Amino acid sequence: MNPYILSLLLFGLGLGTTITFASSHWLLAWMGLEINTLAILPLMAQHHHPRAIEATTKYFLTQATAAATLLFASTTNAWLTGQWDIQQMSHPIALTMVTLALALKIGLAPLHTWLPEVLQGLDLTTGLILSTWQKLAPFALLLQISKSDQTMLIILALASTLVGGWGGLNQTQLRKILAYSSIAHLGWMMLIIQFAPSLTFLALLTYFVMTFSAFLTFKINNSTTINTLATSWAKTPIITAIIPMTLLSLGGLPPLTGFMPKWLILQELTKQGLAATATIAALTALLSLYFYLRLSYAMTLTMSPNNLTGTTPWRLNSSQLSLPLASSTLMASALLPLTPAITALLAL
């Protein structure tokens, strides 16, 4: 892709998200979401592969449906209450519609079915943008209207953690596994959004760091299926030795960074008197942990048969940047001791 066009599209991505962040009016927020969607579509379709075009079309139709529902809900709220302000979304019908529209935008269960299919059709770099940056704008709106129907949010969240764990169990494609991982993490974020929004933000940030590390590792190894992970030892031995830490961190295993948001969310749910909800969420985390363990096993404990040519890549200089991967992997593994400092920072 032409660097000028790429710069323009990335600027559009940033601009759309910034407009949504800065807006207090529903029409401006909707406009930001639309700019965001239109900017990522050419990035998704840039390889002109039928699978990429299919994924782009599915993504466009899904996002257009969600945006139309959001616009209809905000117009309905303005008609019934006379308010266009995001903070003043008070009518229950409009509030439910907006929550469902934003749930469709980010891929919460049961509105999740587009996400694994779309992510599977993209290359790893665009998939990383879709899994991280594209979640920011809808979450900014969800955090502002999160005092809505408590039961509906908890049902959506528990459905997402269950679907995210269950759906990833029988997958062999890494991008689909990462999509189901995303759905499960979104469920954890939505579980706590109405009680402690700062914890939702913390869970979102830690998810970004861990996903960034996982995507970059798969990209540097050029791996898209579980079977191809077995050859990663010949390509990048040091990264292969470290990456199980990131994968188990995604699963929320102590003493790794991913345990931090899960621990704090379960603690807060128990304080709110939702012990049963916390128990179900913790049990669904075991499902996710299984397929992360499966990936770790395939990557580090299985060796593909290698000839002399197959073992040479690690001796060659890689053209890819290693600093982002190194810093994100370190953060994905070792931030748990800083939990008090991070929570104090978010509480400011």
Protein backbone atom coordinates (compact mmCIF):
# COMPACT_ATOMS: atom_id res chain seq x y z
CA MET A 1 0.00 0.00 0.00
CA ASN A 2 1.15 3.53 -0.82
CA PRO A 3 2.69 5.12 2.33
CA TYR A 4 0.65 8.31 1.84
CA ILE A 5 -2.61 6.36 1.69
CA LEU A 6 -1.56 4.26 4.69
CA SER A 7 -0.75 7.43 6.67
CA LEU A 8 -4.12 8.92 5.71
CA LEU A 9 -6.01 5.79 6.81
CA LEU A 10 -4.13 5.58 10.13
CA PHE A 11 -4.84 9.28 10.67
CA GLY A 12 -8.53 8.55 9.99
CA LEU A 13 -8.45 5.75 12.57
CA GLY A 14 -6.96 8.08 15.17
CA LEU A 15 -9.31 10.94 14.27
CA GLY A 16 -12.47 8.81 14.49
CA THR A 17 -11.55 7.48 17.93
CA THR A 18 -10.52 10.95 19.18
CA ILE A 19 -13.82 12.50 18.01
CA THR A 20 -15.76 9.83 19.93
CA PHE A 21 -13.57 10.37 23.01
CA ALA A 22 -14.08 14.13 22.95
CA SER A 23 -17.81 14.23 22.16
CA SER A 24 -20.63 14.75 24.62
CA HIS A 25 -23.29 14.74 21.85
CA TRP A 26 -24.58 11.46 20.42
CA LEU A 27 -24.42 12.70 16.82
CA LEU A 28 -20.70 13.55 17.11
CA ALA A 29 -19.98 10.22 18.82
CA TRP A 30 -21.76 8.40 15.99
CA MET A 31 -19.76 10.39 13.45
CA GLY A 32 -16.48 9.39 15.13
CA LEU A 33 -17.47 5.71 15.04
CA GLU A 34 -18.33 5.96 11.33
CA ILE A 35 -14.99 7.64 10.45
CA ASN A 36 -13.25 4.88 12.41
CA THR A 37 -15.07 2.12 10.50
CA LEU A 38 -14.50 3.70 7.08
CA ALA A 39 -10.77 4.16 7.80
CA ILE A 40 -10.12 0.50 8.68
CA LEU A 41 -12.03 -1.03 5.72
CA PRO A 42 -9.26 -0.38 3.10
CA LEU A 43 -6.65 -1.70 5.55
CA MET A 44 -8.65 -4.92 5.90
CA ALA A 45 -9.09 -5.39 2.14
CA GLN A 46 -5.55 -4.35 1.12
CA HIS A 47 -4.37 -7.86 0.14
CA HIS A 48 -7.18 -8.38 -2.43
CA HIS A 49 -7.62 -11.97 -1.30
CA PRO A 50 -11.22 -13.33 -1.50
CA ARG A 51 -11.10 -14.24 2.21
CA ALA A 52 -10.00 -10.71 3.14
CA ILE A 53 -12.73 -9.15 0.98
CA GLU A 54 -15.30 -11.43 2.60
CA ALA A 55 -14.09 -10.46 6.09
CA THR A 56 -14.20 -6.76 5.16
CA THR A 57 -17.76 -7.06 3.83
CA LYS A 58 -18.91 -8.89 6.97
CA TYR A 59 -17.25 -6.28 9.17
CA PHE A 60 -18.78 -3.39 7.21
CA LEU A 61 -22.33 -4.83 7.39
CA THR A 62 -22.01 -5.55 11.13
CA GLN A 63 -20.60 -2.13 11.99
CA ALA A 64 -23.15 -0.36 9.77
CA THR A 65 -25.99 -2.23 11.54
CA ALA A 66 -24.58 -1.31 14.97
CA ALA A 67 -24.08 2.35 13.96
CA ALA A 68 -27.63 2.59 12.53
CA THR A 69 -29.06 1.08 15.76
CA LEU A 70 -27.00 3.53 17.83
CA LEU A 71 -28.23 6.50 15.78
CA PHE A 72 -31.84 5.27 16.04
CA ALA A 73 -31.52 4.79 19.82
CA SER A 74 -30.00 8.26 20.38
CA THR A 75 -32.67 9.85 18.16
CA THR A 76 -35.37 7.97 20.12
CA ASN A 77 -33.90 9.25 23.39
CA ALA A 78 -33.83 12.82 22.02
CA TRP A 79 -37.45 12.48 20.88
CA LEU A 80 -38.68 11.07 24.22
CA THR A 81 -36.58 13.15 26.65
CA GLY A 82 -35.32 16.11 24.57
CA GLN A 83 -31.68 15.24 25.41
CA TRP A 84 -28.81 14.59 22.94
CA ASP A 85 -26.19 14.50 25.69
CA ILE A 86 -24.42 11.13 26.15
CA GLN A 87 -24.54 11.47 29.95
CA GLN A 88 -28.29 12.15 29.83
CA MET A 89 -29.27 8.86 28.17
CA SER A 90 -32.07 8.04 30.60
CA HIS A 91 -34.96 6.36 28.76
CA PRO A 92 -34.83 2.55 29.33
CA ILE A 93 -35.74 1.60 25.73
CA ALA A 94 -33.10 3.89 24.20
CA LEU A 95 -30.54 2.79 26.82
CA THR A 96 -31.09 -0.92 26.05
CA MET A 97 -30.80 -0.29 22.30
CA VAL A 98 -27.56 1.69 22.68
CA THR A 99 -26.03 -0.97 24.95
CA LEU A 100 -26.88 -3.72 22.44
CA ALA A 101 -25.56 -1.62 19.52
CA LEU A 102 -22.23 -1.07 21.30
CA ALA A 103 -22.14 -4.77 22.30
CA LEU A 104 -22.49 -5.64 18.59
CA LYS A 105 -19.70 -3.18 17.72
CA ILE A 106 -17.16 -4.76 20.08
CA GLY A 107 -18.37 -8.36 19.66
CA LEU A 108 -20.01 -9.29 22.98
CA ALA A 109 -21.92 -12.59 23.07
CA PRO A 110 -24.56 -13.34 21.84
CA LEU A 111 -23.73 -10.68 19.20
CA HIS A 112 -20.23 -12.10 18.70
CA THR A 113 -20.56 -14.42 15.69
CA TRP A 114 -18.97 -11.97 13.22
CA LEU A 115 -15.72 -11.55 15.18
CA PRO A 116 -13.97 -14.95 14.69
CA GLU A 117 -14.95 -15.01 10.99
CA VAL A 118 -13.69 -11.48 10.35
CA LEU A 119 -10.44 -11.90 12.28
CA GLN A 120 -9.71 -15.17 10.46
CA GLY A 121 -9.78 -13.36 7.10
CA LEU A 122 -7.25 -10.67 8.06
CA ASP A 123 -3.48 -10.57 8.31
CA LEU A 124 -2.04 -10.42 11.83
CA THR A 125 -1.23 -6.68 11.80
CA THR A 126 -4.75 -5.59 10.82
CA GLY A 127 -6.14 -8.21 13.19
CA LEU A 128 -4.16 -6.60 16.01
CA ILE A 129 -5.66 -3.16 15.19
CA LEU A 130 -9.15 -4.71 15.11
CA SER A 131 -8.62 -6.47 18.47
CA THR A 132 -7.21 -3.44 20.29
CA TRP A 133 -7.65 0.06 18.83
CA GLN A 134 -11.16 -0.56 17.44
CA LYS A 135 -12.43 -1.39 20.94
CA LEU A 136 -11.49 1.99 22.42
CA ALA A 137 -14.26 4.22 21.00
CA PRO A 138 -17.21 1.90 21.85
CA PHE A 139 -15.77 1.35 25.34
CA ALA A 140 -15.54 5.13 25.89
CA LEU A 141 -19.30 5.30 25.24
CA LEU A 142 -20.09 2.21 27.33
CA LEU A 143 -18.20 3.69 30.30
CA GLN A 144 -20.36 6.82 30.08
CA ILE A 145 -23.71 4.99 29.95
CA SER A 146 -22.80 2.04 32.18
CA LYS A 147 -25.43 2.82 34.85
CA SER A 148 -28.02 0.99 32.79
CA ASP A 149 -29.84 -2.31 33.29
CA GLN A 150 -27.66 -4.29 35.70
CA THR A 151 -29.18 -7.70 34.89
CA MET A 152 -28.77 -7.32 31.13
CA LEU A 153 -25.09 -6.32 31.43
CA ILE A 154 -24.31 -9.27 33.72
CA ILE A 155 -26.10 -11.72 31.36
CA LEU A 156 -24.16 -10.33 28.36
CA ALA A 157 -20.90 -10.53 30.32
CA LEU A 158 -21.38 -14.10 31.57
CA ALA A 159 -22.50 -15.24 28.10
CA SER A 160 -19.31 -13.71 26.67
CA THR A 161 -16.98 -15.40 29.17
CA LEU A 162 -18.73 -18.72 28.53
CA VAL A 163 -18.75 -18.41 24.73
CA GLY A 164 -15.16 -17.10 24.70
CA GLY A 165 -13.97 -20.13 26.67
CA TRP A 166 -16.16 -22.76 25.01
CA GLY A 167 -15.71 -21.50 21.44
CA GLY A 168 -11.91 -21.56 21.54
CA LEU A 169 -11.60 -25.16 22.71
CA ASN A 170 -11.81 -26.93 19.34
CA GLN A 171 -10.09 -24.29 17.17
CA THR A 172 -6.85 -24.90 15.30
CA GLN A 173 -6.58 -21.42 13.72
CA LEU A 174 -4.66 -18.94 15.91
CA ARG A 175 -6.65 -15.92 14.75
CA LYS A 176 -9.94 -17.58 15.71
CA ILE A 177 -8.49 -18.55 19.10
CA LEU A 178 -7.45 -14.92 19.66
CA ALA A 179 -10.96 -13.80 18.63
CA TYR A 180 -12.58 -16.07 21.23
CA SER A 181 -9.97 -14.87 23.73
CA SER A 182 -11.09 -11.31 22.96
CA ILE A 183 -14.76 -12.24 23.54
CA ALA A 184 -13.92 -13.82 26.92
CA HIS A 185 -11.90 -10.78 28.05
CA LEU A 186 -14.68 -8.41 26.96
CA GLY A 187 -17.04 -10.42 29.17
CA TRP A 188 -14.80 -9.81 32.19
CA MET A 189 -14.69 -6.09 31.41
CA MET A 190 -18.48 -5.82 31.08
CA LEU A 191 -18.98 -7.76 34.31
CA ILE A 192 -17.58 -4.92 36.40
CA ILE A 193 -18.35 -1.86 34.24
CA GLN A 194 -21.34 -0.70 36.32
CA PHE A 195 -19.66 -1.19 39.73
CA ALA A 196 -16.06 -0.07 39.16
CA PRO A 197 -15.40 1.54 35.73
CA SER A 198 -11.72 2.02 36.64
CA LEU A 199 -11.35 -1.78 36.86
CA THR A 200 -12.87 -2.12 33.38
CA PHE A 201 -10.27 0.34 32.11
CA LEU A 202 -7.50 -1.62 33.87
CA ALA A 203 -8.73 -4.91 32.36
CA LEU A 204 -8.85 -3.27 28.91
CA LEU A 205 -5.28 -1.96 29.18
CA THR A 206 -3.84 -5.28 30.41
CA TYR A 207 -5.73 -7.10 27.63
CA PHE A 208 -4.20 -4.71 25.06
CA VAL A 209 -0.67 -5.36 26.34
CA MET A 210 -1.06 -9.15 26.38
CA THR A 211 -2.78 -9.31 22.97
CA PHE A 212 -0.12 -7.02 21.46
CA SER A 213 2.58 -9.42 22.65
CA ALA A 214 0.72 -12.52 21.36
CA PHE A 215 -0.01 -11.05 17.91
CA LEU A 216 3.57 -9.80 17.44
CA THR A 217 4.96 -13.21 18.41
CA PHE A 218 2.76 -15.02 15.89
CA LYS A 219 3.69 -12.40 13.29
CA ILE A 220 7.47 -12.77 13.83
CA ASN A 221 7.08 -16.56 13.52
CA ASN A 222 4.66 -16.24 10.58
CA SER A 223 2.29 -18.67 12.36
CA THR A 224 -1.44 -18.88 11.68
CA THR A 225 -2.29 -22.40 12.91
CA ILE A 226 -1.39 -24.45 15.98
CA ASN A 227 0.62 -26.91 13.87
CA THR A 228 2.96 -24.20 12.57
CA LEU A 229 3.80 -23.20 16.16
CA ALA A 230 5.98 -26.31 16.45
CA THR A 231 8.54 -24.81 14.04
CA SER A 232 8.90 -21.60 16.06
CA TRP A 233 11.76 -23.04 18.15
CA ALA A 234 13.95 -23.17 15.03
CA LYS A 235 13.08 -19.58 14.11
CA THR A 236 13.11 -17.70 17.45
CA PRO A 237 14.26 -19.87 20.37
CA ILE A 238 14.34 -17.11 23.04
CA ILE A 239 10.87 -15.76 22.17
CA THR A 240 9.52 -19.33 22.09
CA ALA A 241 10.86 -19.91 25.60
CA ILE A 242 9.23 -16.73 26.92
CA ILE A 243 5.87 -16.68 25.08
CA PRO A 244 4.12 -19.28 27.33
CA MET A 245 4.30 -16.58 30.04
CA THR A 246 2.23 -14.26 27.81
CA LEU A 247 -0.24 -17.00 26.86
CA LEU A 248 -0.76 -18.09 30.48
CA SER A 249 -1.05 -14.41 31.43
CA LEU A 250 -3.92 -14.13 28.91
CA GLY A 251 -5.49 -17.07 30.73
CA GLY A 252 -5.22 -15.18 34.04
CA LEU A 253 -2.79 -17.49 35.84
CA PRO A 254 -0.91 -16.11 38.89
CA PRO A 255 1.75 -14.73 39.36
CA LEU A 256 1.47 -13.15 35.87
CA THR A 257 -0.01 -9.78 34.85
CA GLY A 258 -3.27 -11.27 33.53
CA PHE A 259 -4.19 -12.41 37.03
CA MET A 260 -4.39 -8.80 38.24
CA PRO A 261 -7.67 -7.67 36.59
CA LYS A 262 -9.38 -11.03 37.22
CA TRP A 263 -8.39 -10.97 40.89
CA LEU A 264 -9.61 -7.38 41.40
CA ILE A 265 -12.85 -8.00 39.44
CA LEU A 266 -13.70 -11.12 41.48
CA GLN A 267 -12.95 -9.20 44.69
CA GLU A 268 -15.25 -6.31 43.66
CA LEU A 269 -18.07 -8.66 42.58
CA THR A 270 -17.91 -10.40 45.96
CA LYS A 271 -18.08 -7.00 47.71
CA GLN A 272 -21.22 -6.21 45.68
CA GLY A 273 -22.87 -9.42 46.94
CA LEU A 274 -22.59 -11.22 43.60
CA ALA A 275 -20.71 -14.30 44.82
CA ALA A 276 -22.54 -16.64 42.41
CA THR A 277 -21.69 -14.43 39.43
CA ALA A 278 -18.03 -14.29 40.51
CA THR A 279 -17.93 -18.10 40.87
CA ILE A 280 -19.39 -18.69 37.38
CA ALA A 281 -16.93 -16.17 35.88
CA ALA A 282 -13.99 -17.87 37.61
CA LEU A 283 -15.11 -21.29 36.33
CA THR A 284 -15.43 -20.00 32.75
CA ALA A 285 -11.84 -18.70 33.02
CA LEU A 286 -10.73 -22.35 33.32
CA LEU A 287 -12.09 -23.01 29.82
CA SER A 288 -9.94 -20.22 28.39
CA LEU A 289 -6.94 -21.42 30.36
CA TYR A 290 -7.21 -24.83 28.68
CA PHE A 291 -6.68 -23.53 25.15
CA TYR A 292 -3.86 -21.20 26.24
CA LEU A 293 -2.15 -24.24 27.79
CA ARG A 294 -2.73 -26.06 24.50
CA LEU A 295 -0.96 -23.26 22.61
CA SER A 296 1.91 -23.25 25.13
CA TYR A 297 2.27 -27.02 24.76
CA ALA A 298 2.26 -26.84 20.94
CA MET A 299 4.86 -24.07 20.97
CA THR A 300 7.38 -25.23 23.56
CA LEU A 301 6.92 -28.95 24.22
CA THR A 302 6.60 -30.19 20.63
CA MET A 303 9.47 -30.16 18.16
CA SER A 304 8.99 -30.48 14.43
CA PRO A 305 11.47 -32.67 12.52
CA ASN A 306 14.15 -30.26 11.31
CA ASN A 307 16.89 -30.56 8.74
CA LEU A 308 19.94 -28.28 8.76
CA THR A 309 18.23 -25.68 6.54
CA GLY A 310 15.18 -25.59 8.84
CA THR A 311 17.27 -24.66 11.87
CA THR A 312 19.07 -21.70 10.28
CA PRO A 313 16.53 -18.85 10.64
CA TRP A 314 17.47 -17.98 14.23
CA ARG A 315 21.02 -17.21 13.04
CA LEU A 316 19.75 -14.66 10.53
CA ASN A 317 18.91 -11.07 11.42
CA SER A 318 15.16 -10.43 11.52
CA SER A 319 13.82 -7.40 9.67
CA GLN A 320 11.02 -6.93 12.22
CA LEU A 321 11.19 -4.53 15.16
CA SER A 322 11.87 -6.38 18.38
CA LEU A 323 11.53 -3.53 20.93
CA PRO A 324 7.67 -3.42 20.91
CA LEU A 325 7.57 -7.21 21.30
CA ALA A 326 10.16 -7.20 24.09
CA SER A 327 8.48 -4.41 26.09
CA SER A 328 4.93 -5.81 25.69
CA THR A 329 6.06 -9.34 26.64
CA LEU A 330 7.79 -8.00 29.75
CA MET A 331 4.68 -6.04 30.76
CA ALA A 332 2.42 -9.03 30.02
CA SER A 333 4.46 -11.19 32.40
CA ALA A 334 5.72 -9.04 35.25
CA LEU A 335 3.29 -6.27 36.24
CA LEU A 336 1.47 -8.12 39.04
CA PRO A 337 3.74 -6.79 41.86
CA LEU A 338 2.84 -3.24 40.75
CA THR A 339 -0.92 -3.83 41.34
CA PRO A 340 -1.19 -1.38 44.32
CA ALA A 341 0.55 1.39 42.34
CA ILE A 342 -1.59 0.80 39.22
CA THR A 343 -4.88 0.75 41.16
CA ALA A 344 -3.87 3.91 43.03
CA LEU A 345 -3.07 5.58 39.71
CA LEU A 346 -6.46 4.63 38.23
CA ALA A 347 -8.27 5.80 41.34
CA LEU A 348 -6.97 9.38 40.93
